[in-house]
Amino acid sequence: MKNNDKKNFSKLCVEICGGRCCNPWWGIIYYTLRTTASPSKLTTLHQDILNSIKKREKRIRSAYVTNEKPPRPLFEKPLRYNITPVNIKVDGGGLLIEMRAMFAFRCLFLSEENVCTIHPSLDKSSEDIRPPHCAELGMPTARSGEKGYCRIIEAEVLDGGAGLEQAIEIEKLSSEEHFSSGLSSVEGATDKVVLQVKDFFAIHPEKLPKEVSRKQSRNEPCACGSGKKYKKCCGS
């Protein structure tokens, strides 16, 4: 990308878009959690989910550091955690939970005016100290689903700016929706996922592990986590 292009895209992001993709910056990871916990072992399930979220958060924060010696981190703790189980499967005596983990970060190098203070087009130094992941965002040739894709840049490049306002509005509404439905602590986000897993098995009791159902006494609390006795819930 030529220097003039860098300046144009920087101006687009800062003056027109207002740093929509950077404030907050969303780190999104899809992963599968394999846990030996069953719906009846919520303490174990809670801990496994909590550990998996912390691990992915740490991975993002360790990857986004400046290209300096010593490097400086771009992010502190997330402003919001938006964690959702997108698919749940019984795997033997445990569970396979496909997760979508979204972390809303505030970049430490973003000014109050949403200007990226380490962007090469604004920095007097010719060296780009942004991490590679950050520098790739907004590549004009990237398409949806590809690394470096930005809906706003695509609208500017392909449509000559015709769909720019719509693209900015989509980004704004999407970010606000995910932010408002997220939680401010990793513990709260974990509690929400555990509740979603419990609700899943309350709606689909036939998917409970068979060994759990066989061991259930009719007067014991139901393994789905409803709080009812097994005979009045999944065993009725």
C-alpha atoms as a PDB file:
ATOM      1  CA  MET A   1       0.000   0.000   0.000  1.00  0.00           C
ATOM      2  CA  LYS A   2       1.379   3.418  -0.953  1.00  0.00           C
ATOM      3  CA  ASN A   3       1.889   6.158   1.621  1.00  0.00           C
ATOM      4  CA  ASN A   4      -0.949   8.211   0.120  1.00  0.00           C
ATOM      5  CA  ASP A   5      -3.257   5.205   0.413  1.00  0.00           C
ATOM      6  CA  LYS A   6      -2.288   4.822   4.065  1.00  0.00           C
ATOM      7  CA  LYS A   7      -3.169   8.441   4.715  1.00  0.00           C
ATOM      8  CA  ASN A   8      -6.491   8.103   2.904  1.00  0.00           C
ATOM      9  CA  PHE A   9      -7.507   4.975   4.805  1.00  0.00           C
ATOM     10  CA  SER A  10      -6.366   6.502   8.092  1.00  0.00           C
ATOM     11  CA  LYS A  11      -8.490   9.574   7.349  1.00  0.00           C
ATOM     12  CA  LEU A  12     -11.419   7.320   6.462  1.00  0.00           C
ATOM     13  CA  CYS A  13     -11.169   5.435   9.765  1.00  0.00           C
ATOM     14  CA  VAL A  14     -10.596   8.479  11.963  1.00  0.00           C
ATOM     15  CA  GLU A  15     -12.654  11.268  10.405  1.00  0.00           C
ATOM     16  CA  ILE A  16     -15.490   9.422   8.681  1.00  0.00           C
ATOM     17  CA  CYS A  17     -15.810   6.130  10.529  1.00  0.00           C
ATOM     18  CA  GLY A  18     -14.653   7.599  13.843  1.00  0.00           C
ATOM     19  CA  GLY A  19     -12.522   4.609  14.719  1.00  0.00           C
ATOM     20  CA  ARG A  20     -15.582   2.379  14.843  1.00  0.00           C
ATOM     21  CA  CYS A  21     -13.496  -0.805  14.604  1.00  0.00           C
ATOM     22  CA  CYS A  22     -11.082   0.370  17.318  1.00  0.00           C
ATOM     23  CA  ASN A  23     -13.392   1.673  20.025  1.00  0.00           C
ATOM     24  CA  PRO A  24     -13.973  -0.924  21.186  1.00  0.00           C
ATOM     25  CA  TRP A  25     -11.746  -3.338  19.315  1.00  0.00           C
ATOM     26  CA  TRP A  26     -13.338  -6.796  19.225  1.00  0.00           C
ATOM     27  CA  GLY A  27     -11.228  -9.905  19.614  1.00  0.00           C
ATOM     28  CA  ILE A  28     -13.299 -12.871  18.416  1.00  0.00           C
ATOM     29  CA  ILE A  29     -12.333 -16.525  18.843  1.00  0.00           C
ATOM     30  CA  TYR A  30     -14.284 -19.679  18.040  1.00  0.00           C
ATOM     31  CA  TYR A  31     -13.176 -22.774  19.907  1.00  0.00           C
ATOM     32  CA  THR A  32     -14.429 -26.116  21.210  1.00  0.00           C
ATOM     33  CA  LEU A  33     -14.327 -26.826  24.927  1.00  0.00           C
ATOM     34  CA  ARG A  34     -14.085 -30.491  25.829  1.00  0.00           C
ATOM     35  CA  THR A  35     -15.086 -31.017  29.452  1.00  0.00           C
ATOM     36  CA  THR A  36     -15.586 -34.146  31.521  1.00  0.00           C
ATOM     37  CA  ALA A  37     -18.238 -32.276  33.484  1.00  0.00           C
ATOM     38  CA  SER A  38     -21.863 -33.266  33.066  1.00  0.00           C
ATOM     39  CA  PRO A  39     -24.884 -30.998  33.538  1.00  0.00           C
ATOM     40  CA  SER A  40     -25.147 -32.393  37.087  1.00  0.00           C
ATOM     41  CA  LYS A  41     -21.585 -31.240  37.938  1.00  0.00           C
ATOM     42  CA  LEU A  42     -22.000 -27.516  37.578  1.00  0.00           C
ATOM     43  CA  THR A  43     -19.019 -26.603  39.765  1.00  0.00           C
ATOM     44  CA  THR A  44     -16.660 -28.502  37.472  1.00  0.00           C
ATOM     45  CA  LEU A  45     -18.420 -27.117  34.395  1.00  0.00           C
ATOM     46  CA  HIS A  46     -18.109 -23.555  35.703  1.00  0.00           C
ATOM     47  CA  GLN A  47     -14.384 -23.918  36.361  1.00  0.00           C
ATOM     48  CA  ASP A  48     -13.671 -25.469  32.951  1.00  0.00           C
ATOM     49  CA  ILE A  49     -15.530 -22.683  31.136  1.00  0.00           C
ATOM     50  CA  LEU A  50     -13.856 -19.992  33.258  1.00  0.00           C
ATOM     51  CA  ASN A  51     -10.378 -21.384  32.552  1.00  0.00           C
ATOM     52  CA  SER A  52     -11.075 -21.630  28.806  1.00  0.00           C
ATOM     53  CA  ILE A  53     -12.203 -17.993  28.597  1.00  0.00           C
ATOM     54  CA  LYS A  54      -9.195 -16.726  30.555  1.00  0.00           C
ATOM     55  CA  LYS A  55      -6.875 -18.728  28.313  1.00  0.00           C
ATOM     56  CA  ARG A  56      -8.276 -17.158  25.114  1.00  0.00           C
ATOM     57  CA  GLU A  57      -8.252 -13.659  26.602  1.00  0.00           C
ATOM     58  CA  LYS A  58      -4.595 -14.066  27.566  1.00  0.00           C
ATOM     59  CA  ARG A  59      -3.769 -15.362  24.079  1.00  0.00           C
ATOM     60  CA  ILE A  60      -5.229 -12.240  22.436  1.00  0.00           C
ATOM     61  CA  ARG A  61      -3.516  -9.828  24.814  1.00  0.00           C
ATOM     62  CA  SER A  62      -0.144 -11.540  24.385  1.00  0.00           C
ATOM     63  CA  ALA A  63      -0.453 -11.404  20.570  1.00  0.00           C
ATOM     64  CA  TYR A  64      -1.324  -7.710  20.389  1.00  0.00           C
ATOM     65  CA  VAL A  65       1.890  -5.993  21.446  1.00  0.00           C
ATOM     66  CA  THR A  66       3.920  -3.351  19.644  1.00  0.00           C
ATOM     67  CA  ASN A  67       6.805  -4.314  17.407  1.00  0.00           C
ATOM     68  CA  GLU A  68       9.339  -2.721  19.710  1.00  0.00           C
ATOM     69  CA  LYS A  69      12.033  -3.794  22.130  1.00  0.00           C
ATOM     70  CA  PRO A  70      10.699  -4.145  24.727  1.00  0.00           C
ATOM     71  CA  PRO A  71       7.167  -4.506  23.314  1.00  0.00           C
ATOM     72  CA  ARG A  72       4.223  -2.639  24.804  1.00  0.00           C
ATOM     73  CA  PRO A  73       0.759  -4.240  25.140  1.00  0.00           C
ATOM     74  CA  LEU A  74      -2.165  -2.737  23.244  1.00  0.00           C
ATOM     75  CA  PHE A  75      -4.814  -3.896  25.687  1.00  0.00           C
ATOM     76  CA  GLU A  76      -5.569  -4.185  29.358  1.00  0.00           C
ATOM     77  CA  LYS A  77      -8.495  -6.265  30.595  1.00  0.00           C
ATOM     78  CA  PRO A  78     -11.550  -6.372  28.293  1.00  0.00           C
ATOM     79  CA  LEU A  79     -14.338  -3.864  28.815  1.00  0.00           C
ATOM     80  CA  ARG A  80     -16.881  -6.569  28.023  1.00  0.00           C
ATOM     81  CA  TYR A  81     -17.012 -10.347  27.681  1.00  0.00           C
ATOM     82  CA  ASN A  82     -19.636 -11.683  25.275  1.00  0.00           C
ATOM     83  CA  ILE A  83     -19.378 -15.474  25.421  1.00  0.00           C
ATOM     84  CA  THR A  84     -21.934 -17.764  23.789  1.00  0.00           C
ATOM     85  CA  PRO A  85     -22.198 -21.550  23.405  1.00  0.00           C
ATOM     86  CA  VAL A  86     -23.199 -22.017  19.744  1.00  0.00           C
ATOM     87  CA  ASN A  87     -23.467 -25.803  19.888  1.00  0.00           C
ATOM     88  CA  ILE A  88     -23.588 -28.383  22.686  1.00  0.00           C
ATOM     89  CA  LYS A  89     -22.975 -32.103  22.263  1.00  0.00           C
ATOM     90  CA  VAL A  90     -22.805 -35.002  24.688  1.00  0.00           C
ATOM     91  CA  ASP A  91     -19.453 -36.772  24.398  1.00  0.00           C
ATOM     92  CA  GLY A  92     -19.364 -39.957  26.449  1.00  0.00           C
ATOM     93  CA  GLY A  93     -19.775 -38.868  30.055  1.00  0.00           C
ATOM     94  CA  GLY A  94     -18.841 -35.266  29.294  1.00  0.00           C
ATOM     95  CA  LEU A  95     -19.647 -32.430  26.935  1.00  0.00           C
ATOM     96  CA  LEU A  96     -18.334 -30.757  23.797  1.00  0.00           C
ATOM     97  CA  ILE A  97     -19.269 -27.083  23.784  1.00  0.00           C
ATOM     98  CA  GLU A  98     -18.558 -24.986  20.701  1.00  0.00           C
ATOM     99  CA  MET A  99     -17.978 -21.454  21.924  1.00  0.00           C
ATOM    100  CA  ARG A 100     -17.889 -17.991  20.421  1.00  0.00           C
ATOM    101  CA  ALA A 101     -15.786 -15.749  22.640  1.00  0.00           C
ATOM    102  CA  MET A 102     -15.923 -12.006  21.979  1.00  0.00           C
ATOM    103  CA  PHE A 103     -13.763  -9.597  23.960  1.00  0.00           C
ATOM    104  CA  ALA A 104     -14.268  -5.822  23.742  1.00  0.00           C
ATOM    105  CA  PHE A 105     -10.941  -4.049  24.303  1.00  0.00           C
ATOM    106  CA  ARG A 106     -10.035  -0.382  24.493  1.00  0.00           C
ATOM    107  CA  CYS A 107      -6.697   0.188  22.739  1.00  0.00           C
ATOM    108  CA  LEU A 108      -4.164   1.966  24.941  1.00  0.00           C
ATOM    109  CA  PHE A 109      -2.840   3.817  21.877  1.00  0.00           C
ATOM    110  CA  LEU A 110      -6.207   5.293  20.898  1.00  0.00           C
ATOM    111  CA  SER A 111      -6.694   8.968  21.680  1.00  0.00           C
ATOM    112  CA  GLU A 112      -9.887  10.505  23.019  1.00  0.00           C
ATOM    113  CA  GLU A 113     -10.670  11.487  19.408  1.00  0.00           C
ATOM    114  CA  ASN A 114     -10.297   7.818  18.332  1.00  0.00           C
ATOM    115  CA  VAL A 115      -7.023   8.541  16.551  1.00  0.00           C
ATOM    116  CA  CYS A 116      -4.572   5.625  16.399  1.00  0.00           C
ATOM    117  CA  THR A 117      -1.462   7.320  17.772  1.00  0.00           C
ATOM    118  CA  ILE A 118       0.864   4.623  16.408  1.00  0.00           C
ATOM    119  CA  HIS A 119      -0.574   4.513  12.893  1.00  0.00           C
ATOM    120  CA  PRO A 120       2.330   4.838  10.394  1.00  0.00           C
ATOM    121  CA  SER A 121       0.591   7.598   8.467  1.00  0.00           C
ATOM    122  CA  LEU A 122       0.437   9.742  11.611  1.00  0.00           C
ATOM    123  CA  ASP A 123       3.696   8.758  13.266  1.00  0.00           C
ATOM    124  CA  LYS A 124       6.745  10.726  12.116  1.00  0.00           C
ATOM    125  CA  SER A 125       8.789   7.541  12.251  1.00  0.00           C
ATOM    126  CA  SER A 126       8.819   5.446   9.086  1.00  0.00           C
ATOM    127  CA  GLU A 127       8.672   2.273  11.161  1.00  0.00           C
ATOM    128  CA  ASP A 128       5.275   0.676  11.752  1.00  0.00           C
ATOM    129  CA  ILE A 129       5.308  -0.561  15.348  1.00  0.00           C
ATOM    130  CA  ARG A 130       1.769  -1.959  15.264  1.00  0.00           C
ATOM    131  CA  PRO A 131       1.434  -5.751  15.669  1.00  0.00           C
ATOM    132  CA  PRO A 132       0.943  -7.615  12.358  1.00  0.00           C
ATOM    133  CA  HIS A 133      -2.671  -8.500  13.235  1.00  0.00           C
ATOM    134  CA  CYS A 134      -3.483  -4.821  13.694  1.00  0.00           C
ATOM    135  CA  ALA A 135      -1.633  -3.682  10.573  1.00  0.00           C
ATOM    136  CA  GLU A 136      -3.538  -6.185   8.416  1.00  0.00           C
ATOM    137  CA  LEU A 137      -6.964  -4.799   9.331  1.00  0.00           C
ATOM    138  CA  GLY A 138      -8.410  -2.715   6.533  1.00  0.00           C
ATOM    139  CA  MET A 139      -6.539  -4.298   3.627  1.00  0.00           C
ATOM    140  CA  PRO A 140      -8.346  -3.070   0.469  1.00  0.00           C
ATOM    141  CA  THR A 141      -8.032  -6.469  -1.230  1.00  0.00           C
ATOM    142  CA  ALA A 142      -9.472  -8.528   1.666  1.00  0.00           C
ATOM    143  CA  ARG A 143     -12.969  -9.937   1.295  1.00  0.00           C
ATOM    144  CA  SER A 144     -15.538 -11.023   3.868  1.00  0.00           C
ATOM    145  CA  GLY A 145     -14.243 -13.913   5.972  1.00  0.00           C
ATOM    146  CA  GLU A 146     -10.624 -13.209   5.044  1.00  0.00           C
ATOM    147  CA  LYS A 147      -7.859 -11.862   7.258  1.00  0.00           C
ATOM    148  CA  GLY A 148      -7.738  -8.078   7.252  1.00  0.00           C
ATOM    149  CA  TYR A 149     -11.327  -7.609   6.092  1.00  0.00           C
ATOM    150  CA  CYS A 150     -13.122  -4.374   6.966  1.00  0.00           C
ATOM    151  CA  ARG A 151     -16.677  -3.745   5.766  1.00  0.00           C
ATOM    152  CA  ILE A 152     -16.133   0.019   5.728  1.00  0.00           C
ATOM    153  CA  ILE A 153     -12.957  -0.154   3.639  1.00  0.00           C
ATOM    154  CA  GLU A 154     -14.694  -2.529   1.222  1.00  0.00           C
ATOM    155  CA  ALA A 155     -17.569  -0.083   0.761  1.00  0.00           C
ATOM    156  CA  GLU A 156     -15.142   2.733   0.021  1.00  0.00           C
ATOM    157  CA  VAL A 157     -12.990   0.720  -2.407  1.00  0.00           C
ATOM    158  CA  LEU A 158     -15.591  -1.324  -4.293  1.00  0.00           C
ATOM    159  CA  ASP A 159     -18.577   1.021  -4.265  1.00  0.00           C
ATOM    160  CA  GLY A 160     -16.699   4.305  -4.493  1.00  0.00           C
ATOM    161  CA  GLY A 161     -18.194   5.310  -1.153  1.00  0.00           C
ATOM    162  CA  ALA A 162     -21.809   4.678  -2.219  1.00  0.00           C
ATOM    163  CA  GLY A 163     -22.413   2.141   0.558  1.00  0.00           C
ATOM    164  CA  LEU A 164     -20.127   3.784   3.106  1.00  0.00           C
ATOM    165  CA  GLU A 165     -22.759   5.237   5.427  1.00  0.00           C
ATOM    166  CA  GLN A 166     -24.651   1.937   5.526  1.00  0.00           C
ATOM    167  CA  ALA A 167     -21.446   0.011   6.278  1.00  0.00           C
ATOM    168  CA  ILE A 168     -20.585   2.388   9.142  1.00  0.00           C
ATOM    169  CA  GLU A 169     -24.093   2.080  10.562  1.00  0.00           C
ATOM    170  CA  ILE A 170     -23.925  -1.737  10.428  1.00  0.00           C
ATOM    171  CA  GLU A 171     -20.606  -1.712  12.301  1.00  0.00           C
ATOM    172  CA  LYS A 172     -21.964   0.727  14.874  1.00  0.00           C
ATOM    173  CA  LEU A 173     -25.163  -1.204  15.595  1.00  0.00           C
ATOM    174  CA  SER A 174     -23.382  -4.560  15.665  1.00  0.00           C
ATOM    175  CA  SER A 175     -20.759  -3.315  18.105  1.00  0.00           C
ATOM    176  CA  GLU A 176     -23.347  -1.677  20.359  1.00  0.00           C
ATOM    177  CA  GLU A 177     -25.485  -4.825  20.381  1.00  0.00           C
ATOM    178  CA  HIS A 178     -22.598  -7.129  21.319  1.00  0.00           C
ATOM    179  CA  PHE A 179     -21.305  -4.647  23.897  1.00  0.00           C
ATOM    180  CA  SER A 180     -24.668  -4.220  25.635  1.00  0.00           C
ATOM    181  CA  SER A 181     -25.281  -7.985  25.787  1.00  0.00           C
ATOM    182  CA  GLY A 182     -21.786  -8.621  27.155  1.00  0.00           C
ATOM    183  CA  LEU A 183     -20.738  -8.642  30.803  1.00  0.00           C
ATOM    184  CA  SER A 184     -18.050  -6.650  32.576  1.00  0.00           C
ATOM    185  CA  SER A 185     -16.404  -9.602  34.338  1.00  0.00           C
ATOM    186  CA  VAL A 186     -15.169 -13.012  33.228  1.00  0.00           C
ATOM    187  CA  GLU A 187     -16.976 -14.581  36.188  1.00  0.00           C
ATOM    188  CA  GLY A 188     -20.289 -13.056  35.121  1.00  0.00           C
ATOM    189  CA  ALA A 189     -19.744 -14.225  31.544  1.00  0.00           C
ATOM    190  CA  THR A 190     -19.025 -17.737  32.817  1.00  0.00           C
ATOM    191  CA  ASP A 191     -22.185 -17.778  34.936  1.00  0.00           C
ATOM    192  CA  LYS A 192     -24.185 -16.820  31.861  1.00  0.00           C
ATOM    193  CA  VAL A 193     -22.726 -19.677  29.783  1.00  0.00           C
ATOM    194  CA  VAL A 194     -23.414 -22.215  32.568  1.00  0.00           C
ATOM    195  CA  LEU A 195     -27.017 -21.016  32.693  1.00  0.00           C
ATOM    196  CA  GLN A 196     -27.309 -21.375  28.905  1.00  0.00           C
ATOM    197  CA  VAL A 197     -26.008 -24.953  29.126  1.00  0.00           C
ATOM    198  CA  LYS A 198     -28.551 -25.737  31.875  1.00  0.00           C
ATOM    199  CA  ASP A 199     -31.343 -24.191  29.813  1.00  0.00           C
ATOM    200  CA  PHE A 200     -30.284 -26.268  26.788  1.00  0.00           C
ATOM    201  CA  PHE A 201     -30.697 -29.546  28.673  1.00  0.00           C
ATOM    202  CA  ALA A 202     -33.928 -28.356  30.295  1.00  0.00           C
ATOM    203  CA  ILE A 203     -35.333 -27.879  26.785  1.00  0.00           C
ATOM    204  CA  HIS A 204     -33.667 -31.026  25.402  1.00  0.00           C
ATOM    205  CA  PRO A 205     -33.688 -33.573  28.263  1.00  0.00           C
ATOM    206  CA  GLU A 206     -33.414 -36.400  25.714  1.00  0.00           C
ATOM    207  CA  LYS A 207     -29.855 -35.249  25.036  1.00  0.00           C
ATOM    208  CA  LEU A 208     -28.732 -35.763  28.622  1.00  0.00           C
ATOM    209  CA  PRO A 209     -25.960 -38.373  28.935  1.00  0.00           C
ATOM    210  CA  LYS A 210     -27.642 -41.758  29.298  1.00  0.00           C
ATOM    211  CA  GLU A 211     -25.472 -42.763  32.229  1.00  0.00           C
ATOM    212  CA  VAL A 212     -26.646 -39.668  34.103  1.00  0.00           C
ATOM    213  CA  SER A 213     -30.287 -40.508  33.485  1.00  0.00           C
ATOM    214  CA  ARG A 214     -29.847 -44.151  34.588  1.00  0.00           C
ATOM    215  CA  LYS A 215     -28.191 -43.199  37.879  1.00  0.00           C
ATOM    216  CA  GLN A 216     -30.799 -40.618  38.764  1.00  0.00           C
ATOM    217  CA  SER A 217     -32.985 -41.441  41.737  1.00  0.00           C
ATOM    218  CA  ARG A 218     -36.545 -40.273  41.183  1.00  0.00           C
ATOM    219  CA  ASN A 219     -36.356 -38.124  44.307  1.00  0.00           C
ATOM    220  CA  GLU A 220     -32.975 -36.558  43.485  1.00  0.00           C
ATOM    221  CA  PRO A 221     -32.610 -33.106  41.886  1.00  0.00           C
ATOM    222  CA  CYS A 222     -32.788 -33.461  38.115  1.00  0.00           C
ATOM    223  CA  ALA A 223     -29.439 -33.497  36.302  1.00  0.00           C
ATOM    224  CA  CYS A 224     -30.608 -30.794  33.899  1.00  0.00           C
ATOM    225  CA  GLY A 225     -30.272 -28.252  36.697  1.00  0.00           C
ATOM    226  CA  SER A 226     -33.924 -27.182  36.797  1.00  0.00           C
ATOM    227  CA  GLY A 227     -34.057 -27.519  40.597  1.00  0.00           C
ATOM    228  CA  LYS A 228     -36.995 -29.945  40.386  1.00  0.00           C
ATOM    229  CA  LYS A 229     -36.943 -33.568  41.441  1.00  0.00           C
ATOM    230  CA  TYR A 230     -36.047 -35.969  38.653  1.00  0.00           C
ATOM    231  CA  LYS A 231     -39.502 -37.658  38.781  1.00  0.00           C
ATOM    232  CA  LYS A 232     -41.212 -34.292  38.217  1.00  0.00           C
ATOM    233  CA  CYS A 233     -38.847 -33.147  35.510  1.00  0.00           C
ATOM    234  CA  CYS A 234     -36.887 -35.198  32.945  1.00  0.00           C
ATOM    235  CA  GLY A 235     -37.981 -38.487  34.556  1.00  0.00           C
ATOM    236  CA  SER A 236     -41.689 -37.807  34.305  1.00  0.00           C
END
